[in-house]
Amino acid sequence: MSKKLQEKELVIELVKTSKMVAVNDTGRRIGEDHPKANLSDHEVELMRKLYELYPIDHPDHFGYRRLAAKFGCTKTAARKICKYTIRVQLASSHKRVT
């Protein structure tokens, strides 16, 4: 096998075993691609929509305790997500990681 063909196969294998992750403007992983993330981006979006669905005094309102139980996180995490204190960064680019 020629050297170029071996290099090409190596690059193809590297692409197959790696994935693209979202990063912020400083190059750090964000959102569900962060190693310590417990919730997916979809779950975070759904949590915010459920919280904003009904006013706080409405009987069907999803409070922080109810959201935390539903999504399997702490009440503090639910509050910070719903108040846009955490999980608010937008991806400025994507990078490949192995």
C-alpha atoms as a PDB file:
ATOM      1  CA  MET A   1       0.000   0.000   0.000  1.00  0.00           C
ATOM      2  CA  SER A   2       1.339   3.405  -0.882  1.00  0.00           C
ATOM      3  CA  LYS A   3       2.152   5.979   1.766  1.00  0.00           C
ATOM      4  CA  LYS A   4      -0.492   8.442   0.452  1.00  0.00           C
ATOM      5  CA  LEU A   5      -3.187   5.793   0.614  1.00  0.00           C
ATOM      6  CA  GLN A   6      -2.230   4.916   4.191  1.00  0.00           C
ATOM      7  CA  GLU A   7      -2.372   8.596   5.191  1.00  0.00           C
ATOM      8  CA  LYS A   8      -5.764   8.985   3.519  1.00  0.00           C
ATOM      9  CA  GLU A   9      -7.156   5.959   5.381  1.00  0.00           C
ATOM     10  CA  LEU A  10      -5.766   7.301   8.649  1.00  0.00           C
ATOM     11  CA  VAL A  11      -7.515  10.648   8.101  1.00  0.00           C
ATOM     12  CA  ILE A  12     -10.799   8.881   7.266  1.00  0.00           C
ATOM     13  CA  GLU A  13     -10.536   6.792  10.443  1.00  0.00           C
ATOM     14  CA  LEU A  14      -9.809   9.904  12.514  1.00  0.00           C
ATOM     15  CA  VAL A  15     -12.906  11.645  11.132  1.00  0.00           C
ATOM     16  CA  LYS A  16     -15.053   8.586  11.910  1.00  0.00           C
ATOM     17  CA  THR A  17     -13.921   8.429  15.548  1.00  0.00           C
ATOM     18  CA  SER A  18     -14.184  12.155  16.274  1.00  0.00           C
ATOM     19  CA  LYS A  19     -17.169  14.453  16.691  1.00  0.00           C
ATOM     20  CA  MET A  20     -17.963  18.134  16.365  1.00  0.00           C
ATOM     21  CA  VAL A  21     -18.671  20.103  19.562  1.00  0.00           C
ATOM     22  CA  ALA A  22     -19.978  23.616  20.120  1.00  0.00           C
ATOM     23  CA  VAL A  23     -17.483  26.119  21.521  1.00  0.00           C
ATOM     24  CA  ASN A  24     -17.721  29.742  22.638  1.00  0.00           C
ATOM     25  CA  ASP A  25     -15.519  32.603  21.445  1.00  0.00           C
ATOM     26  CA  THR A  26     -12.661  31.494  23.736  1.00  0.00           C
ATOM     27  CA  GLY A  27     -12.721  27.925  22.381  1.00  0.00           C
ATOM     28  CA  ARG A  28     -14.317  26.277  25.432  1.00  0.00           C
ATOM     29  CA  ARG A  29     -17.082  23.681  25.126  1.00  0.00           C
ATOM     30  CA  ILE A  30     -20.578  24.923  25.908  1.00  0.00           C
ATOM     31  CA  GLY A  31     -24.085  23.567  26.348  1.00  0.00           C
ATOM     32  CA  GLU A  32     -24.661  19.836  26.065  1.00  0.00           C
ATOM     33  CA  ASP A  33     -21.144  19.411  24.668  1.00  0.00           C
ATOM     34  CA  HIS A  34     -19.591  20.512  27.969  1.00  0.00           C
ATOM     35  CA  PRO A  35     -18.196  17.515  29.872  1.00  0.00           C
ATOM     36  CA  LYS A  36     -20.148  18.343  33.058  1.00  0.00           C
ATOM     37  CA  ALA A  37     -23.509  18.986  31.341  1.00  0.00           C
ATOM     38  CA  ASN A  38     -26.333  16.852  32.758  1.00  0.00           C
ATOM     39  CA  LEU A  39     -29.113  18.154  30.509  1.00  0.00           C
ATOM     40  CA  SER A  40     -29.252  18.335  26.731  1.00  0.00           C
ATOM     41  CA  ASP A  41     -29.869  21.638  24.964  1.00  0.00           C
ATOM     42  CA  HIS A  42     -33.352  20.387  24.068  1.00  0.00           C
ATOM     43  CA  GLU A  43     -34.160  19.662  27.738  1.00  0.00           C
ATOM     44  CA  VAL A  44     -32.968  23.130  28.768  1.00  0.00           C
ATOM     45  CA  GLU A  45     -35.155  24.745  26.106  1.00  0.00           C
ATOM     46  CA  LEU A  46     -38.141  22.628  27.160  1.00  0.00           C
ATOM     47  CA  MET A  47     -37.608  23.512  30.833  1.00  0.00           C
ATOM     48  CA  ARG A  48     -37.662  27.225  30.025  1.00  0.00           C
ATOM     49  CA  LYS A  49     -40.796  26.882  27.902  1.00  0.00           C
ATOM     50  CA  LEU A  50     -42.634  24.967  30.640  1.00  0.00           C
ATOM     51  CA  TYR A  51     -41.656  27.571  33.230  1.00  0.00           C
ATOM     52  CA  GLU A  52     -42.871  30.438  31.025  1.00  0.00           C
ATOM     53  CA  LEU A  53     -46.061  28.633  29.900  1.00  0.00           C
ATOM     54  CA  TYR A  54     -48.292  29.805  32.783  1.00  0.00           C
ATOM     55  CA  PRO A  55     -48.006  32.787  35.155  1.00  0.00           C
ATOM     56  CA  ILE A  56     -46.620  32.036  38.623  1.00  0.00           C
ATOM     57  CA  ASP A  57     -50.047  32.232  40.359  1.00  0.00           C
ATOM     58  CA  HIS A  58     -51.679  29.823  37.876  1.00  0.00           C
ATOM     59  CA  PRO A  59     -52.454  26.322  39.280  1.00  0.00           C
ATOM     60  CA  ASP A  60     -50.745  24.613  36.313  1.00  0.00           C
ATOM     61  CA  HIS A  61     -47.533  26.653  36.637  1.00  0.00           C
ATOM     62  CA  PHE A  62     -44.312  24.625  36.606  1.00  0.00           C
ATOM     63  CA  GLY A  63     -42.279  25.825  39.576  1.00  0.00           C
ATOM     64  CA  TYR A  64     -38.590  25.151  40.152  1.00  0.00           C
ATOM     65  CA  ARG A  65     -39.264  22.152  42.416  1.00  0.00           C
ATOM     66  CA  ARG A  66     -41.608  20.554  39.889  1.00  0.00           C
ATOM     67  CA  LEU A  67     -39.190  21.169  37.009  1.00  0.00           C
ATOM     68  CA  ALA A  68     -36.265  19.789  39.008  1.00  0.00           C
ATOM     69  CA  ALA A  69     -38.180  16.589  39.733  1.00  0.00           C
ATOM     70  CA  LYS A  70     -39.251  16.241  36.107  1.00  0.00           C
ATOM     71  CA  PHE A  71     -35.763  16.770  34.622  1.00  0.00           C
ATOM     72  CA  GLY A  72     -33.707  15.125  37.355  1.00  0.00           C
ATOM     73  CA  CYS A  73     -31.710  18.142  38.491  1.00  0.00           C
ATOM     74  CA  THR A  74     -31.569  20.295  41.598  1.00  0.00           C
ATOM     75  CA  LYS A  75     -34.035  23.075  42.323  1.00  0.00           C
ATOM     76  CA  THR A  76     -31.149  25.553  42.187  1.00  0.00           C
ATOM     77  CA  ALA A  77     -30.109  24.358  38.719  1.00  0.00           C
ATOM     78  CA  ALA A  78     -33.715  24.656  37.494  1.00  0.00           C
ATOM     79  CA  ARG A  79     -33.931  28.199  38.847  1.00  0.00           C
ATOM     80  CA  LYS A  80     -30.639  29.249  37.262  1.00  0.00           C
ATOM     81  CA  ILE A  81     -31.665  27.765  33.917  1.00  0.00           C
ATOM     82  CA  CYS A  82     -35.104  29.444  33.959  1.00  0.00           C
ATOM     83  CA  LYS A  83     -33.624  32.809  34.970  1.00  0.00           C
ATOM     84  CA  TYR A  84     -31.011  32.501  32.198  1.00  0.00           C
ATOM     85  CA  THR A  85     -28.133  32.618  34.685  1.00  0.00           C
ATOM     86  CA  ILE A  86     -26.579  29.446  33.253  1.00  0.00           C
ATOM     87  CA  ARG A  87     -26.732  27.744  29.848  1.00  0.00           C
ATOM     88  CA  VAL A  88     -27.076  31.027  27.960  1.00  0.00           C
ATOM     89  CA  GLN A  89     -23.988  31.075  25.726  1.00  0.00           C
ATOM     90  CA  LEU A  90     -24.315  30.702  21.984  1.00  0.00           C
ATOM     91  CA  ALA A  91     -21.842  28.698  19.952  1.00  0.00           C
ATOM     92  CA  SER A  92     -19.475  30.915  18.030  1.00  0.00           C
ATOM     93  CA  SER A  93     -18.037  27.903  16.201  1.00  0.00           C
ATOM     94  CA  HIS A  94     -17.591  24.155  16.325  1.00  0.00           C
ATOM     95  CA  LYS A  95     -14.427  22.119  16.662  1.00  0.00           C
ATOM     96  CA  ARG A  96     -13.581  18.479  16.117  1.00  0.00           C
ATOM     97  CA  VAL A  97     -12.583  16.402  19.141  1.00  0.00           C
ATOM     98  CA  THR A  98     -11.556  12.770  19.371  1.00  0.00           C
END
